Amino acid sequence: MARNDPETDEDSHDSLDQLKEHVCGLNKAKLKELLFTLMDECDALTYENCMLKDVCAEIKKDVKELLHENKALKSEKVDLDMKHLVLHDDLKKVKKTLRLKEEAFSTDLAKMESESLELKQKVESLFVENNKLLEKLKQVELDFAANKRYNCSSQGLTWLNTHHYQNKKRLGL
């Protein structure tokens, strides 16, 4: 019949009126045939209705599962957002700490460079002083060697004067 055609309320009233007029003019065999056709259509509609109910039940089940899954995903998103915020805060702290350490390193490096320069200058001055002391030492050793010869000769003359010339006049006198 007209189950596949979309109908409005007015169209259904018009078609029922037409059907009534059409049925009044039919004989018993035709009415019986029409009744069987209507019963077949009714069975087909019932079967289709059952199929649609099953599909609706599956869709409702899927909707419930999707709602549950959506709720779980939203909860997971909230957890991830919280972790993201915590990690973002940690990153800020690490950046701040790194910046402070870089500043401390820069100041320490500058301080050590200046100390290194001072120590280098001190080493250079000590090296110059050491060279002067070495020259002085060489001079002292030369003077010592000369004084040693003089002392030795003086001691020798004193010995000669005391031992060999006891009753004689001394050398140089």
Protein backbone atom coordinates (compact mmCIF):
# COMPACT_ATOMS: atom_id res chain seq x y z
CA MET A 1 0.00 0.00 0.00
CA ALA A 2 1.25 3.50 0.68
CA ARG A 3 3.62 2.72 3.54
CA ASN A 4 6.70 3.89 1.63
CA ASP A 5 5.15 7.25 0.73
CA PRO A 6 5.47 10.04 3.27
CA GLU A 7 2.00 11.17 4.35
CA THR A 8 0.60 14.07 6.30
CA ASP A 9 -2.56 13.97 8.39
CA GLU A 10 -4.74 15.43 5.62
CA ASP A 11 -3.38 12.99 3.02
CA SER A 12 -4.14 10.02 5.30
CA HIS A 13 -7.77 11.19 5.77
CA ASP A 14 -8.20 11.64 2.01
CA SER A 15 -6.75 8.23 1.25
CA LEU A 16 -8.94 6.57 3.91
CA ASP A 17 -12.01 8.18 2.39
CA GLN A 18 -10.95 7.01 -1.04
CA LEU A 19 -10.29 3.52 0.34
CA LYS A 20 -13.76 3.38 1.91
CA GLU A 21 -15.36 4.36 -1.39
CA HIS A 22 -13.24 1.86 -3.23
CA VAL A 23 -14.03 -0.98 -0.72
CA CYS A 24 -17.80 -0.39 -0.92
CA GLY A 25 -17.78 -1.27 -4.60
CA LEU A 26 -15.75 -4.52 -4.16
CA ASN A 27 -17.10 -8.04 -3.95
CA LYS A 28 -16.25 -10.64 -1.27
CA ALA A 29 -13.32 -12.24 -3.18
CA LYS A 30 -11.73 -8.90 -3.86
CA LEU A 31 -12.24 -7.89 -0.24
CA LYS A 32 -10.66 -11.14 0.89
CA GLU A 33 -7.68 -10.54 -1.40
CA LEU A 34 -7.37 -6.97 -0.13
CA LEU A 35 -7.58 -8.25 3.48
CA PHE A 36 -4.75 -10.74 2.86
CA THR A 37 -2.69 -7.98 1.25
CA LEU A 38 -3.35 -5.78 4.28
CA MET A 39 -2.39 -8.64 6.62
CA ASP A 40 0.84 -9.17 4.67
CA GLU A 41 1.55 -5.47 4.81
CA CYS A 42 0.75 -5.47 8.53
CA ASP A 43 3.12 -8.41 9.10
CA ALA A 44 5.82 -6.64 7.05
CA LEU A 45 5.28 -3.44 9.04
CA THR A 46 5.37 -5.40 12.32
CA TYR A 47 8.57 -7.15 11.25
CA GLU A 48 10.08 -3.82 10.15
CA ASN A 49 8.92 -2.27 13.43
CA CYS A 50 10.60 -5.08 15.40
CA MET A 51 13.77 -4.61 13.36
CA LEU A 52 13.65 -0.87 14.04
CA LYS A 53 13.09 -1.54 17.76
CA ASP A 54 16.13 -3.84 17.78
CA VAL A 55 18.18 -1.23 15.94
CA CYS A 56 16.96 1.42 18.39
CA ALA A 57 17.89 -0.81 21.33
CA GLU A 58 21.39 -1.31 19.84
CA ILE A 59 21.69 2.42 19.23
CA LYS A 60 20.59 3.15 22.82
CA LYS A 61 23.16 0.64 24.06
CA ASP A 62 25.84 2.27 21.87
CA VAL A 63 24.79 5.72 23.13
CA LYS A 64 25.11 4.56 26.76
CA GLU A 65 28.53 3.06 26.03
CA LEU A 66 29.60 6.23 24.22
CA LEU A 67 28.34 8.38 27.09
CA HIS A 68 30.26 6.22 29.55
CA GLU A 69 33.35 6.37 27.34
CA ASN A 70 32.90 10.13 26.90
CA LYS A 71 32.70 10.54 30.67
CA ALA A 72 35.88 8.46 31.10
CA LEU A 73 37.64 10.47 28.40
CA LYS A 74 36.57 13.73 30.02
CA SER A 75 37.90 12.48 33.35
CA GLU A 76 41.13 11.42 31.64
CA LYS A 77 41.36 14.84 29.97
CA VAL A 78 40.95 16.57 33.32
CA ASP A 79 43.71 14.37 34.77
CA LEU A 80 45.95 15.11 31.81
CA ASP A 81 45.23 18.83 32.10
CA MET A 82 46.19 18.70 35.77
CA LYS A 83 49.40 16.82 34.93
CA HIS A 84 50.07 19.33 32.18
CA LEU A 85 49.68 22.22 34.64
CA VAL A 86 51.94 20.50 37.17
CA LEU A 87 54.56 19.80 34.50
CA HIS A 88 54.25 23.37 33.22
CA ASP A 89 54.83 24.68 36.75
CA ASP A 90 57.78 22.30 37.15
CA LEU A 91 59.19 23.51 33.84
CA LYS A 92 58.89 27.12 35.00
CA LYS A 93 60.69 26.22 38.25
CA VAL A 94 63.42 24.37 36.36
CA LYS A 95 63.85 27.31 33.98
CA LYS A 96 64.06 29.71 36.90
CA THR A 97 66.58 27.48 38.69
CA LEU A 98 68.58 27.12 35.49
CA ARG A 99 68.57 30.89 34.97
CA LEU A 100 69.76 31.42 38.57
CA LYS A 101 72.47 28.79 38.15
CA GLU A 102 73.57 30.36 34.87
CA GLU A 103 73.80 33.74 36.58
CA ALA A 104 75.76 32.22 39.47
CA PHE A 105 78.00 30.41 36.99
CA SER A 106 78.58 33.65 35.07
CA THR A 107 79.49 35.55 38.21
CA ASP A 108 81.68 32.69 39.45
CA LEU A 109 83.35 32.47 36.04
CA ALA A 110 84.01 36.21 35.98
CA LYS A 111 85.33 36.05 39.55
CA MET A 112 87.58 33.10 38.74
CA GLU A 113 88.82 34.77 35.56
CA SER A 114 89.76 37.88 37.54
CA GLU A 115 91.40 35.70 40.23
CA SER A 116 93.20 33.77 37.51
CA LEU A 117 94.46 37.01 36.01
CA GLU A 118 95.60 38.20 39.43
CA LEU A 119 97.33 34.87 40.07
CA LYS A 120 98.96 35.00 36.65
CA GLN A 121 100.26 38.49 37.36
CA LYS A 122 101.44 37.33 40.79
CA VAL A 123 103.20 34.31 39.23
CA GLU A 124 104.85 36.58 36.69
CA SER A 125 106.00 38.98 39.42
CA LEU A 126 107.23 36.03 41.51
CA PHE A 127 109.03 34.68 38.45
CA VAL A 128 110.73 38.05 37.92
CA GLU A 129 111.56 38.21 41.63
CA ASN A 130 112.87 34.64 41.47
CA ASN A 131 115.12 35.55 38.53
CA LYS A 132 116.43 38.57 40.48
CA LEU A 133 117.05 36.34 43.52
CA LEU A 134 118.86 33.80 41.32
CA GLU A 135 121.08 36.57 39.96
CA LYS A 136 121.66 37.79 43.50
CA LEU A 137 122.45 34.22 44.57
CA LYS A 138 124.99 33.87 41.78
CA GLN A 139 126.54 37.15 42.85
CA VAL A 140 126.58 36.02 46.48
CA GLU A 141 128.17 32.70 45.48
CA LEU A 142 130.84 34.59 43.51
CA ASP A 143 131.40 36.89 46.46
CA PHE A 144 131.48 33.89 48.79
CA ALA A 145 134.04 32.13 46.61
CA ALA A 146 136.15 35.28 46.55
CA ASN A 147 135.77 35.74 50.30
CA LYS A 148 136.59 32.10 50.86
CA ARG A 149 139.87 32.52 48.97
CA TYR A 150 140.56 35.67 50.89
CA ASN A 151 139.69 33.98 54.18
CA CYS A 152 141.82 30.99 53.31
CA SER A 153 144.76 33.18 52.42
CA SER A 154 144.24 35.26 55.54
CA GLN A 155 144.11 32.18 57.71
CA GLY A 156 147.24 30.92 56.04
CA LEU A 157 149.05 34.18 56.70
CA THR A 158 147.88 34.22 60.28
CA TRP A 159 149.12 30.68 60.78
CA LEU A 160 152.45 31.51 59.23
CA ASN A 161 152.75 34.53 61.42
CA THR A 162 151.96 32.66 64.58
CA HIS A 163 153.90 29.46 63.96
CA HIS A 164 156.92 30.17 61.77
CA TYR A 165 157.96 33.53 62.89
CA GLN A 166 157.65 33.33 66.53
CA ASN A 167 160.75 35.28 67.38
CA LYS A 168 161.07 37.07 64.13
CA LYS A 169 159.34 39.95 62.76
CA ARG A 170 156.18 39.22 61.13
CA LEU A 171 155.49 39.61 57.51
CA GLY A 172 154.41 42.97 56.64
CA LEU A 173 155.69 44.46 59.83
